[in-house]
Amino acid sequence: MAKQALIKKRGRPVLTVVLVLIGLVVTSVAVLRLVPPPMTFLMVSRAIEGEGLSYRWRSLDDISPRLVEAVIASEDSTFCAHHGFDMKAIEKALKANARAEKRGGKRIRGGSTISQQTAKNVFLWPGRDWIRKGLEAGYTVLIETLWGKRRVMEVYLNVAEWAPGVYGAEAAARHWFGKSAADLSPREAARLAAILPSPRRYNASSPGPYVRRRASRVLAAMGTVRNDGLAACVLG
């Protein structure tokens, strides 16, 4: 009995630390439901590398609805239907990457939703290790629960990288098109969505053949998003 009591006593500080950490995490997520996120790990690391930093927060009401439709069409067509994870997309990504590895290639596809990308961008460091992926899953559940879809989209559009040192829809619109995010045309929105997978590689204002083709597909898919109400949880 004495040994069990000693073990129980020694375990209490560990449990206390765990509970405090969980409380801090939940509190930080709850706070960011109301206030704009500060600079992210990615922004800081890129700035330290000398890329500079252009980050301008804008309310979702001050961002063109066409950009919402474009990123849903391009990045996560089931955004309004899932609860943070698209299991079908994850399964497809795993199968595609397995086939690529068998051929001696690299991973070629990801299955992350907009919610997962937001959790990663705001709260975590860049990388693909399993610890970060586990934390990403936890944060995804929290933001889906505490923020809701509209806030998730608002934060995503404000912290996404759109060019070296350029973060958020407002900075991206001014960098690539010399205008506010509120004034983006459907074609411009489609081009911004088209470069999201590799924003450090592609050009939205003077796109090459690949970005033009991808933007055309996104532009066509935006009609489906609008007609089928796939952005209703954000724009409804």
Protein backbone atom coordinates (compact mmCIF):
# COMPACT_ATOMS: atom_id res chain seq x y z
CA MET A 1 0.00 0.00 0.00
CA ALA A 2 2.83 2.38 0.88
CA LYS A 3 4.50 1.73 -2.48
CA GLN A 4 1.26 2.42 -4.36
CA ALA A 5 0.77 5.64 -2.41
CA LEU A 6 4.33 6.73 -3.26
CA ILE A 7 3.79 6.05 -6.96
CA LYS A 8 0.51 7.95 -6.88
CA LYS A 9 2.15 10.87 -5.09
CA ARG A 10 5.00 11.02 -7.63
CA GLY A 11 2.53 10.93 -10.52
CA ARG A 12 0.60 13.96 -9.35
CA PRO A 13 3.15 16.58 -10.52
CA VAL A 14 3.25 14.97 -13.98
CA LEU A 15 -0.54 14.99 -14.20
CA THR A 16 -0.59 18.62 -13.04
CA VAL A 17 1.90 19.63 -15.73
CA VAL A 18 -0.10 17.80 -18.41
CA LEU A 19 -3.34 19.47 -17.33
CA VAL A 20 -1.68 22.91 -17.27
CA LEU A 21 -0.29 22.38 -20.78
CA ILE A 22 -3.69 21.28 -22.07
CA GLY A 23 -5.27 24.33 -20.46
CA LEU A 24 -2.73 26.64 -22.09
CA VAL A 25 -3.32 25.08 -25.50
CA VAL A 26 -7.10 25.36 -25.24
CA THR A 27 -6.82 28.94 -23.97
CA SER A 28 -4.52 29.96 -26.82
CA VAL A 29 -6.95 28.52 -29.38
CA ALA A 30 -9.91 30.25 -27.69
CA VAL A 31 -8.09 33.61 -27.67
CA LEU A 32 -7.29 33.38 -31.38
CA ARG A 33 -10.97 32.94 -32.11
CA LEU A 34 -11.28 36.63 -31.26
CA VAL A 35 -7.95 38.26 -32.15
CA PRO A 36 -5.68 38.01 -35.21
CA PRO A 37 -2.81 35.54 -34.84
CA PRO A 38 0.64 37.03 -34.32
CA MET A 39 3.46 36.07 -36.63
CA THR A 40 3.70 32.32 -37.23
CA PHE A 41 6.78 30.10 -36.92
CA LEU A 42 7.08 30.08 -40.71
CA MET A 43 6.91 33.87 -40.96
CA VAL A 44 9.60 34.29 -38.30
CA SER A 45 11.92 31.67 -39.80
CA ARG A 46 11.61 33.13 -43.30
CA ALA A 47 12.20 36.65 -41.96
CA ILE A 48 15.34 35.48 -40.15
CA GLU A 49 16.53 34.03 -43.46
CA GLY A 50 16.26 37.53 -44.92
CA GLU A 51 13.10 37.27 -47.02
CA GLY A 52 11.34 40.17 -45.35
CA LEU A 53 7.77 40.08 -44.12
CA SER A 54 4.53 41.41 -45.63
CA TYR A 55 1.58 40.39 -43.46
CA ARG A 56 -1.66 42.39 -43.45
CA TRP A 57 -4.65 41.05 -41.53
CA ARG A 58 -8.06 41.61 -43.11
CA SER A 59 -11.50 40.61 -41.92
CA LEU A 60 -13.23 38.04 -44.10
CA ASP A 61 -15.73 40.76 -44.98
CA ASP A 62 -12.84 42.65 -46.61
CA ILE A 63 -11.71 39.70 -48.76
CA SER A 64 -13.38 38.89 -52.07
CA PRO A 65 -15.84 35.97 -51.82
CA ARG A 66 -14.32 34.76 -55.07
CA LEU A 67 -11.10 33.93 -53.22
CA VAL A 68 -13.06 31.84 -50.71
CA GLU A 69 -14.64 29.94 -53.60
CA ALA A 70 -11.27 29.57 -55.31
CA VAL A 71 -9.42 28.07 -52.34
CA ILE A 72 -12.30 25.69 -51.59
CA ALA A 73 -12.33 24.62 -55.24
CA SER A 74 -8.57 24.20 -55.28
CA GLU A 75 -7.63 23.01 -51.80
CA ASP A 76 -10.62 21.42 -50.06
CA SER A 77 -13.92 20.94 -51.89
CA THR A 78 -15.51 19.25 -48.84
CA PHE A 79 -14.50 22.02 -46.42
CA CYS A 80 -18.07 22.74 -45.33
CA ALA A 81 -18.95 19.05 -44.97
CA HIS A 82 -16.08 17.58 -42.95
CA HIS A 83 -15.11 18.09 -39.31
CA GLY A 84 -11.47 18.84 -39.94
CA PHE A 85 -10.35 15.71 -41.80
CA ASP A 86 -11.21 14.39 -45.25
CA MET A 87 -10.64 10.66 -44.85
CA LYS A 88 -11.18 9.92 -48.55
CA ALA A 89 -8.54 12.48 -49.54
CA ILE A 90 -6.12 11.07 -46.96
CA GLU A 91 -6.67 7.55 -48.28
CA LYS A 92 -6.09 8.68 -51.88
CA ALA A 93 -2.94 10.53 -50.85
CA LEU A 94 -1.54 7.48 -49.04
CA LYS A 95 -2.17 5.25 -52.06
CA ALA A 96 -0.68 7.77 -54.50
CA ASN A 97 2.43 8.24 -52.34
CA ALA A 98 2.84 4.48 -51.91
CA ARG A 99 2.77 4.03 -55.70
CA ALA A 100 5.31 6.82 -56.11
CA GLU A 101 7.66 5.28 -53.55
CA LYS A 102 7.47 1.90 -55.30
CA ARG A 103 8.60 3.59 -58.50
CA GLY A 104 11.50 5.14 -56.61
CA GLY A 105 10.01 8.63 -56.52
CA LYS A 106 9.13 11.01 -53.72
CA ARG A 107 5.84 11.72 -51.97
CA ILE A 108 3.74 13.58 -54.52
CA ARG A 109 0.44 14.21 -52.81
CA GLY A 110 -0.95 15.47 -49.52
CA GLY A 111 -4.41 15.01 -48.05
CA SER A 112 -4.55 17.93 -45.65
CA THR A 113 -7.74 19.94 -45.39
CA ILE A 114 -7.87 23.71 -45.03
CA SER A 115 -8.50 23.17 -41.31
CA GLN A 116 -5.36 21.06 -40.97
CA GLN A 117 -3.30 23.58 -42.92
CA THR A 118 -4.60 26.38 -40.70
CA ALA A 119 -3.73 24.47 -37.53
CA LYS A 120 -0.23 23.79 -38.86
CA ASN A 121 0.39 27.33 -40.08
CA VAL A 122 -0.80 29.10 -36.94
CA PHE A 123 0.37 26.88 -34.09
CA LEU A 124 3.19 24.64 -35.32
CA TRP A 125 6.56 24.58 -36.99
CA PRO A 126 7.22 23.48 -40.60
CA GLY A 127 8.02 19.80 -41.03
CA ARG A 128 6.59 16.32 -41.58
CA ASP A 129 7.61 14.46 -38.42
CA TRP A 130 5.02 12.37 -36.60
CA ILE A 131 5.06 14.51 -33.45
CA ARG A 132 4.08 17.57 -35.45
CA LYS A 133 1.42 15.60 -37.35
CA GLY A 134 -0.06 14.40 -34.06
CA LEU A 135 -0.18 17.93 -32.66
CA GLU A 136 -1.67 19.12 -35.93
CA ALA A 137 -4.54 16.65 -35.54
CA GLY A 138 -5.21 17.86 -32.01
CA TYR A 139 -5.18 21.52 -32.98
CA THR A 140 -7.42 20.75 -35.96
CA VAL A 141 -10.07 19.29 -33.65
CA LEU A 142 -9.81 22.32 -31.36
CA ILE A 143 -10.16 24.98 -34.05
CA GLU A 144 -13.04 23.15 -35.70
CA THR A 145 -14.77 23.01 -32.29
CA LEU A 146 -13.93 26.44 -30.89
CA TRP A 147 -13.67 28.57 -34.03
CA GLY A 148 -16.14 27.26 -36.56
CA LYS A 149 -15.77 27.18 -40.33
CA ARG A 150 -15.98 30.90 -41.03
CA ARG A 151 -13.18 31.72 -38.59
CA VAL A 152 -11.02 28.86 -39.85
CA MET A 153 -11.31 30.21 -43.38
CA GLU A 154 -10.65 33.78 -42.26
CA VAL A 155 -7.46 32.79 -40.45
CA TYR A 156 -6.33 30.52 -43.29
CA LEU A 157 -6.64 33.27 -45.87
CA ASN A 158 -4.70 35.63 -43.62
CA VAL A 159 -1.71 33.42 -42.80
CA ALA A 160 -1.22 31.39 -45.99
CA GLU A 161 2.07 32.02 -47.82
CA TRP A 162 1.55 33.42 -51.34
CA ALA A 163 5.11 34.40 -52.30
CA PRO A 164 8.47 34.58 -50.54
CA GLY A 165 7.85 36.84 -47.53
CA VAL A 166 4.21 37.47 -48.52
CA TYR A 167 1.48 36.19 -46.19
CA GLY A 168 -2.27 36.58 -46.29
CA ALA A 169 -4.76 37.52 -48.98
CA GLU A 170 -4.32 41.28 -48.63
CA ALA A 171 -0.54 41.22 -48.97
CA ALA A 172 -0.84 38.69 -51.82
CA ALA A 173 -3.38 40.76 -53.76
CA ARG A 174 -1.20 43.85 -53.48
CA HIS A 175 2.00 41.96 -54.28
CA TRP A 176 0.68 40.19 -57.38
CA PHE A 177 -2.04 42.51 -58.69
CA GLY A 178 -1.55 45.89 -57.01
CA LYS A 179 -5.01 45.94 -55.48
CA SER A 180 -6.88 45.10 -52.29
CA ALA A 181 -8.06 41.56 -51.58
CA ALA A 182 -11.61 42.91 -51.57
CA ASP A 183 -11.28 43.83 -55.25
CA LEU A 184 -9.94 40.55 -56.64
CA SER A 185 -11.64 39.35 -59.82
CA PRO A 186 -12.63 35.68 -60.22
CA ARG A 187 -9.66 35.07 -62.54
CA GLU A 188 -7.21 36.72 -60.12
CA ALA A 189 -8.65 34.70 -57.23
CA ALA A 190 -8.25 31.53 -59.27
CA ARG A 191 -4.61 32.36 -60.00
CA LEU A 192 -3.88 32.94 -56.32
CA ALA A 193 -5.46 29.61 -55.45
CA ALA A 194 -3.55 27.93 -58.26
CA ILE A 195 -0.14 28.87 -56.82
CA LEU A 196 -0.95 27.92 -53.22
CA PRO A 197 0.67 24.46 -53.40
CA SER A 198 4.02 26.04 -54.39
CA PRO A 199 3.82 29.81 -53.73
CA ARG A 200 7.59 30.19 -53.72
CA ARG A 201 7.89 28.70 -57.19
CA TYR A 202 5.00 30.09 -59.23
CA ASN A 203 3.92 33.54 -60.39
CA ALA A 204 0.27 34.66 -60.15
CA SER A 205 0.48 37.91 -62.12
CA SER A 206 2.48 36.56 -65.08
CA PRO A 207 1.76 32.83 -64.91
CA GLY A 208 3.43 30.18 -66.98
CA PRO A 209 1.55 27.41 -68.83
CA TYR A 210 1.11 25.19 -65.74
CA VAL A 211 -0.41 27.94 -63.57
CA ARG A 212 -2.63 29.12 -66.43
CA ARG A 213 -4.02 25.60 -66.91
CA ARG A 214 -4.47 25.06 -63.19
CA ALA A 215 -6.12 28.47 -62.76
CA SER A 216 -8.54 27.68 -65.60
CA ARG A 217 -9.56 24.46 -63.84
CA VAL A 218 -9.98 26.31 -60.55
CA LEU A 219 -12.07 29.00 -62.26
CA ALA A 220 -14.38 26.37 -63.71
CA ALA A 221 -14.64 24.57 -60.36
CA MET A 222 -15.55 27.85 -58.64
CA GLY A 223 -18.84 27.76 -60.53
CA THR A 224 -19.58 24.36 -59.02
CA VAL A 225 -18.65 25.60 -55.55
CA ARG A 226 -21.04 28.52 -55.97
CA ASN A 227 -23.91 26.61 -57.58
CA ASP A 228 -23.74 23.64 -55.20
CA GLY A 229 -23.38 25.74 -52.07
CA LEU A 230 -19.99 24.25 -51.18
CA ALA A 231 -18.94 27.54 -49.56
CA ALA A 232 -22.23 28.11 -47.73
CA CYS A 233 -20.64 27.59 -44.28
CA VAL A 234 -18.43 30.62 -44.99
CA LEU A 235 -20.42 32.83 -47.34
CA GLY A 236 -23.98 31.82 -46.45
